Amino acid sequence: MKITTTVIGSYPYARMEPEDAIGRAVEEQITAGIDVISDGQVRADMVAIFAKGIPGYQLQGRKANVISKIIPPTKAISLGDLSIATDIASGRAKVKGIITGPTTMAHCSILNEVCPYKPHETREGSQSMTVDPELVLDIARAMAREAEFLTEAGYNVIQIDEPFFSLPDVDVDIGLEAIGMVADKIDFSAIHVCGDIRPIMTKLLDSKVNLVEVEGGYLVQLDWLTPALLEEKNKKICWSVISVDTNDVESVEEISQRINACVDRLGTENIWVSPDCGMRARKPESAKGKLNNMVKAVRKIETTFNQ
């Protein structure tokens, strides 16, 4: 039995020249033994990289300004870096596409006063704001076109990033409707949500994606999450086992314990394994060490199950 390993996305080296940074990120992921890698997301942050290519946005530095109605792009936005990563990988690992989710894009957008969307509103006492559902859905249409471009180019695994889903007062229902529009264009789709997903986990399992990528530290507390439920929902879980909040490299034994907690709950056939989130902020040697030990732990557990 094999457990698929992946990364969530970003990787150190963003300050290098882009092609050199992609090369370092790809080689280190492959050397570690990661099965499904990213291009390292080294060129820009997760919002700016798409805002620069979607009609209706005007990028000023890192500010994603909405100046008119959002419409689908006429050409792929993220395909260039993916193609570089794929050439470097040369079949040694699968490269996945990564798309920023419509809800996260909407919450990070600055609305021009003449654009056709309602202004963002912050509720009294709230830690987050509400956004116009039409903005979310228009961004979804744009991202669905990007997903089509990537699928047509041969990328059959595509991750949709929605870190804002775990924040209070975010309209997850509209967000998941938008995710469904994007996922419909993808062969094998994943959604990544940061933070405490316990309040929304049932909704994530009802979404249209194939793989739900969330932090194992929260999943271990969900006693109702079972293999039978995943089979019913036709879902796999990417159970994260590596902290990205520290440069300290977890031992193989520590990571093995986390993976075993996942395997005991869901079985090897229902899971992928990854870090908690992207590792852009980590030192390169830390990121490399974390991935190396994560894969060693996975292979150790696979050996036990295959004996």
Foldseek 3Di string as FASTA:
>chain_A
DAFAAEAFAAAAPLPPPLLVSLLVQLVLLLVLPHAEYESRPSPADQQQLVLVFWPQWDDDPNATERDEQTAAGPAARPVVSQVSSCVSCVPSHHYAAEHEALLVNQQRHHYDPPYPWDDWADDVPFPGIETGLSSSQRVLNNLLVNLLNVVVVPRQEYEYEDQVPPGPPYPVVSRLVSVQSNQVNHNAYEYEYADQCVVPVVVVLQGPHAEYEAEQVNVLPDLPDAQVSCVVSNHAYAYEQAELPDLDADALVSSLVSVVSVCVGYNSVRYHYYHRHHNHPYDNVSVSRNSNSNVVSSVVVVVVVVD
